[in-house]
Structure formats: C-alpha cells, structure tokens
Protein backbone atom coordinates (compact mmCIF):
# COMPACT_ATOMS: atom_id res chain seq x y z
CA MET A 1 27.24 13.59 -12.01
CA ILE A 2 27.59 10.05 -13.36
CA GLN A 3 24.59 9.27 -15.55
CA LYS A 4 24.73 5.50 -15.88
CA PRO A 5 22.15 2.76 -15.25
CA TYR A 6 23.92 1.45 -12.17
CA LEU A 7 21.89 -0.04 -9.33
CA ILE A 8 22.26 1.71 -5.98
CA SER A 9 24.15 -0.42 -3.48
CA LYS A 10 24.74 2.25 -0.82
CA ALA A 11 22.23 4.99 -0.05
CA GLN A 12 22.46 7.95 2.31
CA PHE A 13 18.70 8.47 2.10
CA VAL A 14 15.94 5.86 1.77
CA ALA A 15 12.22 6.64 1.65
CA CYS A 16 9.41 4.11 1.97
CA HIS A 17 6.19 5.50 0.48
CA ASN A 18 3.92 2.65 1.60
CA PHE A 19 3.90 1.28 5.15
CA THR A 20 2.98 -2.22 3.97
CA PHE A 21 6.28 -2.47 2.04
CA LEU A 22 8.03 -3.09 5.35
CA GLN A 23 6.26 -6.45 5.50
CA LYS A 24 7.42 -7.47 2.04
CA TYR A 25 10.68 -5.78 1.06
CA ASP A 26 14.02 -5.20 2.78
CA MET A 27 13.64 -1.44 2.63
CA VAL A 28 16.64 -0.55 4.84
CA ASP A 29 19.15 -2.98 3.35
CA LYS A 30 21.02 -0.40 1.24
CA LEU A 31 21.07 2.35 3.88
CA VAL A 32 24.59 3.33 4.99
CA GLU A 33 25.65 4.05 8.58
CA ASN A 34 24.25 7.37 9.86
CA GLY A 35 21.92 7.45 6.86
CA THR A 36 18.33 8.73 6.87
CA PHE A 37 15.15 6.68 6.61
CA LEU A 38 11.83 8.38 5.81
CA LEU A 39 8.63 6.36 6.24
CA THR A 40 5.05 7.08 5.18
CA SER A 41 3.30 5.94 8.33
CA PRO A 42 -0.24 5.97 9.76
CA TYR A 43 1.44 5.97 13.18
CA SER A 44 2.98 8.97 14.90
CA ALA A 45 6.62 9.22 15.93
CA ALA A 46 5.67 8.10 19.44
CA GLU A 47 3.75 5.05 18.20
CA VAL A 48 5.59 3.77 15.13
CA TRP A 49 8.60 1.98 16.65
CA ASP A 50 6.76 -1.01 18.08
CA THR A 51 4.80 -1.49 14.84
CA LEU A 52 7.98 -2.21 12.86
CA PRO A 53 9.19 -5.76 12.16
CA ILE A 54 12.14 -6.96 14.23
CA GLU A 55 14.37 -6.98 11.14
CA VAL A 56 13.71 -3.28 10.41
CA GLN A 57 14.34 -2.24 14.01
CA GLN A 58 17.62 -4.15 14.06
CA GLN A 59 18.82 -2.55 10.83
CA LEU A 60 17.99 0.98 11.97
CA ILE A 61 19.82 0.43 15.26
CA GLU A 62 22.88 -1.11 13.60
CA ARG A 63 23.12 1.71 11.06
CA LYS A 64 22.52 4.43 13.68
CA ALA A 65 20.00 5.83 11.24
CA LYS A 66 18.05 9.05 11.50
CA PHE A 67 14.41 8.01 11.34
CA TYR A 68 11.51 10.23 10.23
CA VAL A 69 7.80 9.59 9.68
CA ILE A 70 5.01 11.49 7.95
CA ASN A 71 1.38 10.47 7.47
CA ALA A 72 1.41 11.39 3.80
CA LEU A 73 -1.69 9.37 2.88
CA LYS A 74 -3.81 11.15 5.48
CA LEU A 75 -2.55 14.53 4.29
CA GLY A 76 -3.19 13.60 0.67
CA LYS A 77 -6.80 12.73 1.38
CA GLU A 78 -7.41 15.84 3.45
CA LEU A 79 -6.05 18.02 0.64
CA GLY A 80 -8.04 16.27 -2.09
CA LEU A 81 -5.01 14.56 -3.64
CA GLY A 82 -6.10 11.06 -2.68
CA THR A 83 -3.18 8.63 -2.75
CA ARG A 84 -1.02 10.94 -4.89
CA ILE A 85 1.57 11.75 -2.25
CA ASN A 86 4.59 12.40 -4.47
CA MET A 87 4.66 16.15 -3.75
CA ILE A 88 4.39 15.60 0.00
CA MET A 89 7.23 13.07 0.00
CA GLN A 90 9.40 15.17 -2.32
CA THR A 91 9.06 18.12 0.02
CA ALA A 92 9.90 15.93 3.01
CA PHE A 93 13.02 14.70 1.23
CA PHE A 94 14.35 18.18 0.54
CA LEU A 95 13.62 19.42 4.04
CA ILE A 96 15.19 16.43 5.78
CA SER A 97 18.20 16.02 3.50
CA GLY A 98 19.22 19.66 3.67
CA ILE A 99 20.38 19.65 0.05
CA LEU A 100 18.91 23.13 -0.28
CA PRO A 101 18.00 25.71 2.37
CA LYS A 102 14.37 25.31 3.46
CA GLU A 103 13.04 28.51 1.85
CA LYS A 104 14.91 27.93 -1.40
CA ALA A 105 13.74 24.31 -1.61
CA ILE A 106 10.08 25.26 -1.11
CA GLU A 107 10.37 28.04 -3.68
CA ALA A 108 11.91 25.64 -6.21
CA ILE A 109 9.27 22.96 -5.61
CA LYS A 110 6.39 25.40 -5.98
CA GLY A 111 7.98 26.79 -9.15
CA MET A 112 8.07 23.28 -10.60
CA ILE A 113 4.45 22.73 -9.55
CA GLN A 114 3.41 25.78 -11.53
CA LYS A 115 5.41 24.61 -14.53
CA THR A 116 4.09 21.03 -14.38
CA TYR A 117 0.45 21.55 -13.40
CA GLY A 118 -0.21 25.12 -14.54
CA THR A 119 -2.13 23.98 -17.60
CA LYS A 120 -4.44 21.84 -15.45
CA GLY A 121 -5.89 24.84 -13.67
CA GLU A 122 -5.44 26.91 -10.54
CA LYS A 123 -7.23 24.36 -8.34
CA VAL A 124 -4.68 21.62 -9.08
CA VAL A 125 -1.79 24.02 -8.55
CA ASN A 126 -3.21 25.18 -5.22
CA MET A 127 -3.76 21.61 -4.00
CA ASN A 128 -0.14 20.72 -4.72
CA ASN A 129 1.13 23.93 -3.12
CA ALA A 130 -0.96 23.08 -0.05
CA ALA A 131 0.68 19.64 -0.01
CA VAL A 132 4.09 21.30 0.17
CA ASP A 133 3.04 23.54 3.04
CA ALA A 134 1.44 20.63 4.91
CA ALA A 135 4.54 18.49 4.60
CA VAL A 136 6.64 21.19 6.25
CA SER A 137 4.69 20.98 9.52
CA HIS A 138 3.97 17.23 9.64
CA ILE A 139 7.42 15.64 9.46
CA GLU A 140 8.32 13.96 12.75
CA GLU A 141 11.69 12.59 13.82
CA VAL A 142 11.52 9.30 15.70
CA SER A 143 13.59 8.91 18.85
CA TYR A 144 13.96 5.15 19.16
CA PRO A 145 15.67 2.91 21.75
CA LYS A 146 18.99 1.19 21.09
CA GLU A 147 17.51 -2.26 21.40
CA VAL A 148 14.89 -4.26 19.53
CA THR A 149 11.47 -4.16 21.20
CA SER A 150 9.18 -5.53 18.49
CA THR A 151 7.65 -8.99 18.71
CA LYS A 152 6.85 -9.30 15.00
CA HIS A 153 9.03 -10.77 12.27
CA ARG A 154 8.69 -9.93 8.60
CA PRO A 155 6.40 -12.66 7.19
CA PRO A 156 7.77 -15.11 4.58
CA ILE A 157 7.41 -13.99 0.97
CA VAL A 158 5.64 -17.21 -0.03
CA PRO A 159 4.00 -19.90 2.14
CA LYS A 160 6.05 -22.88 3.28
CA HIS A 161 3.95 -25.28 1.22
CA ALA A 162 4.93 -23.54 -2.05
CA PRO A 163 6.89 -25.65 -4.58
CA GLU A 164 10.71 -25.61 -4.40
CA PHE A 165 11.02 -23.47 -7.53
CA VAL A 166 8.71 -20.85 -6.01
CA GLN A 167 10.63 -20.95 -2.72
CA LYS A 168 14.06 -20.52 -4.31
CA VAL A 169 13.40 -18.45 -7.44
CA THR A 170 9.98 -16.80 -7.62
CA SER A 171 10.06 -15.61 -4.01
CA GLU A 172 13.45 -13.95 -4.52
CA ILE A 173 12.14 -12.10 -7.55
CA ILE A 174 9.03 -10.99 -5.65
CA ALA A 175 11.23 -9.73 -2.80
CA GLY A 176 13.24 -7.58 -5.23
CA ARG A 177 16.36 -9.75 -5.03
CA GLY A 178 16.09 -11.22 -8.52
CA ASP A 179 19.39 -9.65 -9.62
CA ASP A 180 21.18 -11.69 -6.97
CA LEU A 181 20.02 -15.02 -8.39
CA PRO A 182 22.68 -17.02 -10.26
CA VAL A 183 21.96 -18.21 -13.80
CA SER A 184 22.02 -21.78 -12.50
CA ALA A 185 18.88 -21.10 -10.47
CA PHE A 186 16.79 -20.92 -13.64
CA PRO A 187 15.64 -23.81 -15.86
CA ILE A 188 18.03 -24.56 -18.72
CA ASP A 189 15.35 -24.04 -21.38
CA GLY A 190 14.04 -20.86 -19.74
CA THR A 191 10.57 -22.21 -19.02
CA PHE A 192 8.81 -21.41 -15.76
CA MET A 193 6.29 -23.57 -13.98
CA THR A 194 2.70 -22.34 -14.30
CA GLY A 195 0.33 -21.27 -11.56
CA THR A 196 2.87 -19.25 -9.60
CA THR A 197 0.72 -16.12 -9.33
CA GLN A 198 -1.25 -17.77 -6.52
CA TYR A 199 1.84 -17.30 -4.34
CA GLU A 200 2.43 -13.65 -5.23
CA LYS A 201 0.32 -11.56 -2.89
CA GLN A 202 0.87 -7.83 -3.39
CA ASN A 203 -0.54 -6.78 0.00
CA LEU A 204 -0.29 -3.15 -1.07
CA ALA A 205 -3.54 -1.57 0.06
CA THR A 206 -3.60 0.61 3.15
CA GLU A 207 -7.41 0.64 2.91
CA ILE A 208 -9.72 -1.94 1.33
CA PRO A 209 -13.45 -1.83 0.46
CA ILE A 210 -15.95 -3.38 2.87
CA TRP A 211 -19.15 -4.94 1.60
CA ASP A 212 -22.40 -3.44 2.87
CA LYS A 213 -24.76 -6.38 2.49
CA GLU A 214 -27.88 -4.29 3.23
CA THR A 215 -27.17 -1.77 0.47
CA CYS A 216 -25.83 -4.19 -2.15
CA ILE A 217 -28.13 -4.88 -5.13
CA GLN A 218 -26.04 -7.93 -6.18
CA CYS A 219 -25.22 -6.56 -9.63
CA ASN A 220 -21.62 -7.87 -9.40
CA ILE A 221 -20.24 -4.84 -11.25
CA CYS A 222 -17.54 -4.45 -8.62
CA ALA A 223 -16.22 -7.93 -9.36
CA ILE A 224 -16.29 -7.25 -13.10
CA VAL A 225 -14.29 -4.01 -12.94
CA CYS A 226 -11.72 -5.14 -10.33
CA PRO A 227 -8.36 -5.21 -12.19
CA HIS A 228 -6.88 -7.81 -9.83
CA ALA A 229 -9.86 -10.14 -9.42
CA ALA A 230 -9.79 -9.40 -5.70
CA ILE A 231 -13.61 -9.33 -5.39
CA ARG A 232 -15.57 -12.55 -5.70
CA PRO A 233 -19.39 -12.90 -5.48
CA LYS A 234 -20.82 -16.30 -4.64
CA GLY A 235 -24.25 -17.89 -4.54
CA PHE A 236 -24.50 -20.94 -2.32
CA ASP A 237 -26.99 -23.36 -0.77
CA LYS A 238 -28.29 -22.91 2.75
CA GLU A 239 -26.66 -26.13 3.93
CA TYR A 240 -23.26 -24.38 4.02
CA ILE A 241 -24.35 -21.87 6.67
CA ASP A 242 -24.28 -24.38 9.51
CA ASN A 243 -20.47 -24.49 9.61
CA ALA A 244 -19.84 -20.87 8.59
CA PRO A 245 -17.84 -18.55 10.90
CA LYS A 246 -19.90 -16.24 13.11
CA ASP A 247 -18.64 -13.11 11.32
CA PHE A 248 -19.28 -14.48 7.82
CA LEU A 249 -21.44 -11.99 5.89
CA TYR A 250 -24.25 -13.19 3.64
CA VAL A 251 -27.80 -12.31 2.57
CA ASP A 252 -30.63 -13.95 0.67
CA ALA A 253 -29.91 -14.09 -3.05
CA LYS A 254 -32.13 -11.69 -5.01
CA THR A 255 -31.96 -13.12 -8.53
CA LYS A 256 -34.28 -15.82 -9.86
CA SER A 257 -31.33 -17.97 -10.86
CA PHE A 258 -30.35 -18.29 -7.18
CA LYS A 259 -33.83 -18.69 -5.69
CA ASP A 260 -33.79 -20.06 -2.12
CA MET A 261 -30.00 -19.59 -1.96
CA TYR A 262 -27.67 -17.19 -0.15
CA TYR A 263 -25.32 -14.58 -1.61
CA THR A 264 -21.97 -13.29 -0.37
CA LEU A 265 -19.37 -10.88 -1.67
CA GLN A 266 -15.79 -11.11 -0.43
CA VAL A 267 -12.67 -8.99 -0.89
CA ALA A 268 -9.22 -10.61 -0.77
CA PRO A 269 -7.11 -8.16 1.30
CA GLU A 270 -3.74 -9.39 0.01
CA ASP A 271 -4.80 -9.03 -3.64
CA CYS A 272 -6.60 -5.69 -3.34
CA THR A 273 -4.53 -2.61 -4.21
CA GLY A 274 -6.99 -0.04 -2.85
CA CYS A 275 -7.52 1.54 -6.28
CA GLU A 276 -11.20 2.39 -5.52
CA ILE A 277 -12.41 1.43 -9.00
CA CYS A 278 -15.03 -0.84 -7.46
CA VAL A 279 -16.32 1.97 -5.23
CA ASN A 280 -16.62 4.39 -8.13
CA ALA A 281 -18.37 1.77 -10.31
CA CYS A 282 -20.86 0.65 -7.66
CA PRO A 283 -24.39 1.88 -8.63
CA ALA A 284 -25.91 1.20 -5.19
CA PHE A 285 -26.12 3.89 -2.51
CA ALA A 286 -27.09 3.63 1.13
CA LYS A 287 -30.02 5.73 2.37
CA ASP A 288 -30.33 7.81 5.51
CA ALA A 289 -33.10 7.59 8.10
CA ASP A 290 -35.40 9.71 5.90
CA GLY A 291 -34.89 7.45 2.91
CA ASN A 292 -32.66 9.91 1.03
CA LYS A 293 -29.71 8.64 -0.98
CA THR A 294 -26.32 9.20 0.64
CA GLU A 295 -22.81 9.24 -0.84
CA THR A 296 -22.00 5.83 0.67
CA HIS A 297 -21.78 2.96 -1.82
CA ALA A 298 -22.48 -0.70 -1.12
CA ILE A 299 -18.75 -1.38 -1.27
C-alpha cells in the first residue's frame, strides 16, 4: 500500500452520498471504464435514470459503469440514525465491491461497530447493526439504456451575471476543480474581491423546514440559531401585498413594534443545509383538534 497524499485521478469505485451533489459536482469524472458508481437516491432503480442530469448519464454510458442506488437517508431515519448514513454506505461499498466475502464483511463491520460505539451503549450499537442489515437488502442495481434520455443539464455553478473573477476562479473552486487552476488565474497580490459568498449556494439539503404561519409565535429564534442565515423574518407594510405572489405566506404581525403590519418568515432553499437546528430550537407547537400540544413545531 502506498501511503502518500496523492489525489485520486482514476477510481474503480465512486460513491455519491448526497443526491443533490449531482447538480453541483462532476461526481463521475474520475470513474474508470467498467467502474462502479453507488448513489444515495430517493428514487428507486426503476425511477432514478431519468432524474439524472444529461452529463451524468453520458458519463455512465461512456464508461460502461455498473450503477447502484440505495435510499440511505430514508433507512437512516427509519432506524433512528437521522442523516448519519456512513454505516449504511460503508456496508453497501463492501457488498458491491466484493473486496471481502459477504458474511466476512458483515462480521468485520459489526465488530468495528462494537469497538467504536460500545461505550455509547447497547442502543447505539444495535441501531448501527440494524443499519448494516438494512443495507444488505436495500441495494438495487440500475439497468439503464445505452443512450441519454434525460432532458436536464447540470445547472451552472454561478449565475451568468456574476463578475468575471467569480466566473473564472471562484466557480472553479466551488466545483472542486481549484487544483486545476493555473497560478496566473489568481491576482498577483493574492487579494480576492469581496462579496463572493452571494454566488456560492450550497444546495445541500434533501429536506428543508416549512413555515407554519398559524403555529408561529414570531419569536424569530429560528433565524437567530440558523448557522447559515438561511431563515429571514420580515415585517412589512400592507401596501406590498397587492403585488405579492398568490402563494406568498404572511400573517398579521403580533408585536407592538409592527402594529398594523404583516409578518413573513422565509427559508432560502439553496442556503439551507437541513441541519434541523431551527426545528429543535422552535418553542412553538401545533395543537390537535382537542387543543392538545403535538410534536409538530412551527417550522
């Protein structure tokens, strides 16, 4: 084994642990011919092909790749692991790659689970063991056509109106191709233009919070705790409602400071990472028909 910090330029196995990455990164670029691509997907093997961007379909066809999917996020939630899908994906890798016989691989993984999580209690160990067992029966191989059928292209990394520096330098770094940039692409004194974060949209979340305007108490705690400033509350005058979209959500403002005004709370989908901090911090709960508090927050 060569233990050196070399970047991988040719890979026999590539795994994508977040379906949204296909819209942002060239996930299949390093995959060799007849290689294997494993995708965490909310779509089944029968559905997933037409959801892929044209570029990904073309690469898989050209490389004659073996293509597998597993709905790891759904399994993680069902097993109480949330978005922690590392054990599910690790199991899928060993089973698909064939590095070890199936029984031996599962035995080794469960042995490592006991060693790693044993001190955290039997419940944690059992949840991770269940993740291994679930992965075994939920891996699906995709049988795809030999021609591109998608109608969707991978969207541009940054908008066309972005400054030239953002188009040529920042966007390449965001796309994971920063190592390919020549030194001449950077300013001589090493300074970068400011305000470039407005063009970097992570677009990572597979689920985002939705504001329940009837339950919300307008405390704005969700906006305060959001690590990525993806939640913005706003008080505004009634004159702005006339030209508002039909599906625009708003309610009467409750605080004295915004008397006779409206209130709205909006989540930026491309900035939200789905971390759920806002949901856990929200002090407001919806009530059922009998007036009893439920487990559903206002966001």
